[in-house]
N, C-alpha and C. Protein backbone atom coordinates (compact mmCIF):
# COMPACT_ATOMS: atom_id res chain seq x y z
N UNK A 1 19.16 -29.58 -1.44
CA UNK A 1 19.61 -28.35 -0.84
C UNK A 1 20.93 -28.55 -0.10
N UNK A 2 21.15 -29.77 0.40
CA UNK A 2 22.42 -30.07 1.08
C UNK A 2 22.68 -31.56 1.00
N UNK A 3 23.91 -31.91 1.20
CA UNK A 3 24.29 -33.31 1.18
C UNK A 3 25.55 -33.50 2.01
N UNK A 4 26.19 -34.61 1.85
CA UNK A 4 27.39 -34.92 2.62
C UNK A 4 28.53 -34.00 2.17
N UNK A 5 28.83 -33.01 2.97
CA UNK A 5 29.94 -32.10 2.68
C UNK A 5 29.60 -30.90 1.83
N UNK A 6 28.32 -30.65 1.53
CA UNK A 6 27.97 -29.48 0.72
C UNK A 6 26.61 -28.91 1.14
N UNK A 7 26.47 -27.63 0.89
CA UNK A 7 25.21 -26.92 1.12
C UNK A 7 25.05 -25.90 -0.01
N UNK A 8 23.91 -25.88 -0.64
CA UNK A 8 23.65 -24.95 -1.75
C UNK A 8 23.16 -23.61 -1.21
N UNK A 9 23.58 -22.54 -1.88
CA UNK A 9 23.11 -21.18 -1.57
C UNK A 9 22.98 -20.42 -2.88
N UNK A 10 22.31 -19.28 -2.83
CA UNK A 10 22.13 -18.47 -4.03
C UNK A 10 21.33 -19.21 -5.10
N UNK A 11 21.70 -19.00 -6.37
CA UNK A 11 20.99 -19.65 -7.47
C UNK A 11 21.14 -21.17 -7.43
N UNK A 12 22.17 -21.66 -6.77
CA UNK A 12 22.33 -23.12 -6.65
C UNK A 12 21.25 -23.70 -5.75
N UNK A 13 20.74 -22.90 -4.82
CA UNK A 13 19.69 -23.35 -3.91
C UNK A 13 18.31 -23.11 -4.51
N UNK A 14 18.11 -21.94 -5.09
CA UNK A 14 16.81 -21.57 -5.65
C UNK A 14 17.02 -20.39 -6.59
N UNK A 15 16.42 -20.46 -7.77
CA UNK A 15 16.55 -19.37 -8.73
C UNK A 15 15.16 -18.87 -9.11
N UNK A 16 15.04 -17.56 -9.22
CA UNK A 16 13.78 -16.94 -9.57
C UNK A 16 13.88 -16.25 -10.92
N UNK A 17 12.74 -15.88 -11.46
CA UNK A 17 12.68 -15.12 -12.69
C UNK A 17 13.55 -13.87 -12.53
N UNK A 18 14.50 -13.63 -13.44
CA UNK A 18 15.37 -12.46 -13.31
C UNK A 18 14.60 -11.13 -13.24
N UNK A 19 13.44 -11.07 -13.86
CA UNK A 19 12.66 -9.84 -13.84
C UNK A 19 12.03 -9.57 -12.47
N UNK A 20 12.05 -10.54 -11.59
CA UNK A 20 11.45 -10.37 -10.27
C UNK A 20 12.36 -9.59 -9.32
N UNK A 21 13.61 -9.38 -9.70
CA UNK A 21 14.59 -8.66 -8.88
C UNK A 21 14.81 -9.34 -7.53
N UNK A 22 14.74 -10.66 -7.51
CA UNK A 22 14.95 -11.41 -6.27
C UNK A 22 16.36 -11.98 -6.15
N UNK A 23 17.16 -11.91 -7.20
CA UNK A 23 18.46 -12.58 -7.23
C UNK A 23 19.42 -12.15 -6.14
N UNK A 24 19.68 -10.86 -6.02
CA UNK A 24 20.64 -10.38 -5.02
C UNK A 24 20.13 -10.63 -3.62
N UNK A 25 18.87 -10.32 -3.38
CA UNK A 25 18.29 -10.55 -2.05
C UNK A 25 18.36 -12.04 -1.69
N UNK A 26 18.02 -12.89 -2.64
CA UNK A 26 18.05 -14.34 -2.39
C UNK A 26 19.47 -14.83 -2.14
N UNK A 27 20.42 -14.34 -2.91
CA UNK A 27 21.81 -14.75 -2.72
C UNK A 27 22.29 -14.36 -1.33
N UNK A 28 21.97 -13.15 -0.90
CA UNK A 28 22.38 -12.70 0.44
C UNK A 28 21.69 -13.52 1.53
N UNK A 29 20.39 -13.70 1.38
CA UNK A 29 19.61 -14.44 2.38
C UNK A 29 20.08 -15.89 2.50
N UNK A 30 20.20 -16.56 1.35
CA UNK A 30 20.59 -17.97 1.41
C UNK A 30 22.05 -18.13 1.81
N UNK A 31 22.90 -17.21 1.40
CA UNK A 31 24.30 -17.29 1.81
C UNK A 31 24.45 -17.17 3.31
N UNK A 32 23.80 -16.18 3.90
CA UNK A 32 23.84 -16.01 5.35
C UNK A 32 23.18 -17.19 6.06
N UNK A 33 22.02 -17.59 5.59
CA UNK A 33 21.29 -18.70 6.22
C UNK A 33 22.05 -20.01 6.10
N UNK A 34 22.65 -20.26 4.94
CA UNK A 34 23.43 -21.49 4.76
C UNK A 34 24.65 -21.49 5.69
N UNK A 35 25.31 -20.34 5.79
CA UNK A 35 26.46 -20.24 6.69
C UNK A 35 26.08 -20.51 8.13
N UNK A 36 24.96 -19.93 8.55
CA UNK A 36 24.49 -20.16 9.92
C UNK A 36 24.12 -21.64 10.13
N UNK A 37 23.50 -22.24 9.12
CA UNK A 37 23.11 -23.64 9.24
C UNK A 37 24.34 -24.55 9.31
N UNK A 38 25.33 -24.27 8.49
CA UNK A 38 26.56 -25.07 8.52
C UNK A 38 27.25 -24.92 9.88
N UNK A 39 27.33 -23.68 10.37
CA UNK A 39 27.93 -23.45 11.68
C UNK A 39 27.18 -24.23 12.77
N UNK A 40 25.86 -24.14 12.73
CA UNK A 40 25.05 -24.86 13.73
C UNK A 40 25.26 -26.37 13.61
N UNK A 41 25.34 -26.87 12.37
CA UNK A 41 25.55 -28.31 12.17
C UNK A 41 26.90 -28.74 12.72
N UNK A 42 27.93 -27.93 12.46
CA UNK A 42 29.27 -28.24 12.97
C UNK A 42 29.33 -28.20 14.50
N UNK A 43 28.42 -27.45 15.09
CA UNK A 43 28.34 -27.37 16.56
C UNK A 43 27.44 -28.46 17.14
N UNK A 44 26.89 -29.33 16.27
CA UNK A 44 26.14 -30.47 16.75
C UNK A 44 24.65 -30.47 16.50
N UNK A 45 24.11 -29.40 15.91
CA UNK A 45 22.67 -29.34 15.64
C UNK A 45 22.37 -30.16 14.39
N UNK A 46 21.88 -31.37 14.57
CA UNK A 46 21.65 -32.28 13.44
C UNK A 46 20.51 -31.84 12.53
N UNK A 47 19.62 -30.97 12.98
CA UNK A 47 18.48 -30.53 12.15
C UNK A 47 18.75 -29.21 11.43
N UNK A 48 19.89 -28.60 11.65
CA UNK A 48 20.15 -27.26 11.12
C UNK A 48 20.05 -27.19 9.59
N UNK A 49 20.62 -28.16 8.89
CA UNK A 49 20.59 -28.12 7.42
C UNK A 49 19.20 -28.41 6.88
N UNK A 50 18.49 -29.32 7.52
CA UNK A 50 17.10 -29.56 7.11
C UNK A 50 16.23 -28.34 7.37
N UNK A 51 16.48 -27.65 8.48
CA UNK A 51 15.73 -26.43 8.79
C UNK A 51 16.03 -25.35 7.74
N UNK A 52 17.30 -25.24 7.35
CA UNK A 52 17.68 -24.29 6.29
C UNK A 52 16.95 -24.62 4.99
N UNK A 53 16.96 -25.90 4.60
CA UNK A 53 16.28 -26.32 3.37
C UNK A 53 14.79 -25.99 3.43
N UNK A 54 14.19 -26.17 4.59
CA UNK A 54 12.76 -25.86 4.75
C UNK A 54 12.51 -24.37 4.58
N UNK A 55 13.41 -23.53 5.11
CA UNK A 55 13.25 -22.07 4.96
C UNK A 55 13.34 -21.66 3.50
N UNK A 56 14.27 -22.25 2.76
CA UNK A 56 14.42 -21.92 1.34
C UNK A 56 13.20 -22.40 0.56
N UNK A 57 12.71 -23.57 0.89
CA UNK A 57 11.51 -24.10 0.24
C UNK A 57 10.31 -23.21 0.51
N UNK A 58 10.17 -22.73 1.73
CA UNK A 58 9.08 -21.82 2.08
C UNK A 58 9.17 -20.53 1.28
N UNK A 59 10.39 -19.99 1.14
CA UNK A 59 10.58 -18.77 0.35
C UNK A 59 10.23 -19.01 -1.12
N UNK A 60 10.63 -20.16 -1.65
CA UNK A 60 10.31 -20.48 -3.05
C UNK A 60 8.80 -20.60 -3.26
N UNK A 61 8.13 -21.24 -2.33
CA UNK A 61 6.68 -21.40 -2.42
C UNK A 61 5.98 -20.04 -2.39
N UNK A 62 6.43 -19.16 -1.50
CA UNK A 62 5.84 -17.81 -1.43
C UNK A 62 6.08 -17.05 -2.73
N UNK A 63 7.28 -17.17 -3.29
CA UNK A 63 7.57 -16.53 -4.57
C UNK A 63 6.65 -17.05 -5.66
N UNK A 64 6.49 -18.38 -5.72
CA UNK A 64 5.64 -18.96 -6.77
C UNK A 64 4.20 -18.49 -6.65
N UNK A 65 3.69 -18.39 -5.44
CA UNK A 65 2.32 -17.88 -5.25
C UNK A 65 2.21 -16.44 -5.74
N UNK A 66 3.17 -15.62 -5.36
CA UNK A 66 3.17 -14.23 -5.80
C UNK A 66 3.31 -14.10 -7.31
N UNK A 67 4.16 -14.93 -7.88
CA UNK A 67 4.37 -14.93 -9.33
C UNK A 67 3.08 -15.28 -10.06
N UNK A 68 2.40 -16.33 -9.58
CA UNK A 68 1.12 -16.71 -10.20
C UNK A 68 0.07 -15.61 -10.02
N UNK A 69 0.04 -14.99 -8.85
CA UNK A 69 -0.93 -13.93 -8.61
C UNK A 69 -0.69 -12.74 -9.53
N UNK A 70 0.57 -12.39 -9.74
CA UNK A 70 0.89 -11.27 -10.63
C UNK A 70 0.47 -11.59 -12.06
N UNK A 71 0.73 -12.80 -12.53
CA UNK A 71 0.33 -13.17 -13.88
C UNK A 71 -1.19 -13.25 -14.02
N UNK A 72 -1.86 -13.61 -12.97
CA UNK A 72 -3.33 -13.71 -13.02
C UNK A 72 -3.98 -12.35 -13.21
N UNK A 73 -3.28 -11.28 -12.83
CA UNK A 73 -3.85 -9.93 -12.96
C UNK A 73 -3.89 -9.46 -14.41
N UNK A 74 -3.05 -10.02 -15.24
CA UNK A 74 -3.02 -9.60 -16.65
C UNK A 74 -4.03 -10.41 -17.44
N UNK A 75 -5.02 -9.73 -18.00
CA UNK A 75 -6.08 -10.43 -18.74
C UNK A 75 -6.20 -9.96 -20.19
N UNK A 76 -5.40 -8.97 -20.60
CA UNK A 76 -5.57 -8.40 -21.94
C UNK A 76 -5.26 -9.37 -23.07
N UNK A 77 -4.33 -10.27 -22.87
CA UNK A 77 -3.91 -11.15 -23.95
C UNK A 77 -4.14 -12.61 -23.59
N UNK A 78 -5.22 -12.91 -22.95
CA UNK A 78 -5.46 -14.27 -22.44
C UNK A 78 -5.53 -15.33 -23.53
N UNK A 79 -5.77 -14.94 -24.79
CA UNK A 79 -5.82 -15.93 -25.87
C UNK A 79 -4.42 -16.24 -26.42
N UNK A 80 -3.42 -15.46 -26.07
CA UNK A 80 -2.05 -15.70 -26.54
C UNK A 80 -1.42 -16.85 -25.74
N UNK A 81 -0.65 -17.71 -26.39
CA UNK A 81 -0.09 -18.88 -25.71
C UNK A 81 0.68 -18.56 -24.43
N UNK A 82 1.52 -17.52 -24.48
CA UNK A 82 2.30 -17.15 -23.30
C UNK A 82 1.40 -16.89 -22.10
N UNK A 83 0.39 -16.04 -22.31
CA UNK A 83 -0.50 -15.67 -21.20
C UNK A 83 -1.50 -16.77 -20.89
N UNK A 84 -1.91 -17.52 -21.89
CA UNK A 84 -2.85 -18.63 -21.64
C UNK A 84 -2.20 -19.64 -20.69
N UNK A 85 -0.91 -19.94 -20.90
CA UNK A 85 -0.21 -20.87 -20.00
C UNK A 85 -0.15 -20.31 -18.58
N UNK A 86 0.10 -19.03 -18.47
CA UNK A 86 0.22 -18.43 -17.15
C UNK A 86 -1.14 -18.30 -16.45
N UNK A 87 -2.18 -18.07 -17.23
CA UNK A 87 -3.52 -18.04 -16.64
C UNK A 87 -3.89 -19.43 -16.14
N UNK A 88 -3.56 -20.45 -16.91
CA UNK A 88 -3.82 -21.82 -16.51
C UNK A 88 -3.01 -22.17 -15.26
N UNK A 89 -1.79 -21.62 -15.16
CA UNK A 89 -0.91 -21.92 -14.03
C UNK A 89 -1.27 -21.13 -12.76
N UNK A 90 -2.29 -20.28 -12.81
CA UNK A 90 -2.65 -19.53 -11.61
C UNK A 90 -3.39 -20.39 -10.61
N UNK A 91 -3.86 -21.54 -11.06
CA UNK A 91 -4.53 -22.47 -10.14
C UNK A 91 -3.45 -23.23 -9.39
N UNK A 92 -3.51 -23.26 -8.07
CA UNK A 92 -2.49 -23.95 -7.29
C UNK A 92 -2.37 -25.42 -7.70
N UNK A 93 -1.15 -25.88 -7.81
CA UNK A 93 -0.87 -27.26 -8.14
C UNK A 93 -0.20 -27.89 -6.92
N UNK A 94 -0.81 -28.87 -6.29
CA UNK A 94 -0.23 -29.46 -5.08
C UNK A 94 1.09 -30.16 -5.32
N UNK A 95 1.43 -30.43 -6.58
CA UNK A 95 2.69 -31.11 -6.87
C UNK A 95 3.85 -30.14 -7.04
N UNK A 96 3.60 -28.86 -7.00
CA UNK A 96 4.68 -27.86 -7.18
C UNK A 96 5.23 -27.43 -5.86
């Protein structure tokens, strides 16, 4: 999410399914949050960038839970590979 001399925002920080309509909101949120974190870091707050990365990670995790929940609601085509994969993915994976 950040490194020596750089901080990611927008799709560079986190990208969602285009059909979720999260792109513009995420770009605005991460752009503002990244700017605030960089400003705070330049003013001496050593945890600002890590805090920013944690906020983006939390948002991604919430999106993934919602995405899985939405796919779990569709049961009409559960034998089709596309939906079978998504039904299987509705179980939380601690590694994600």
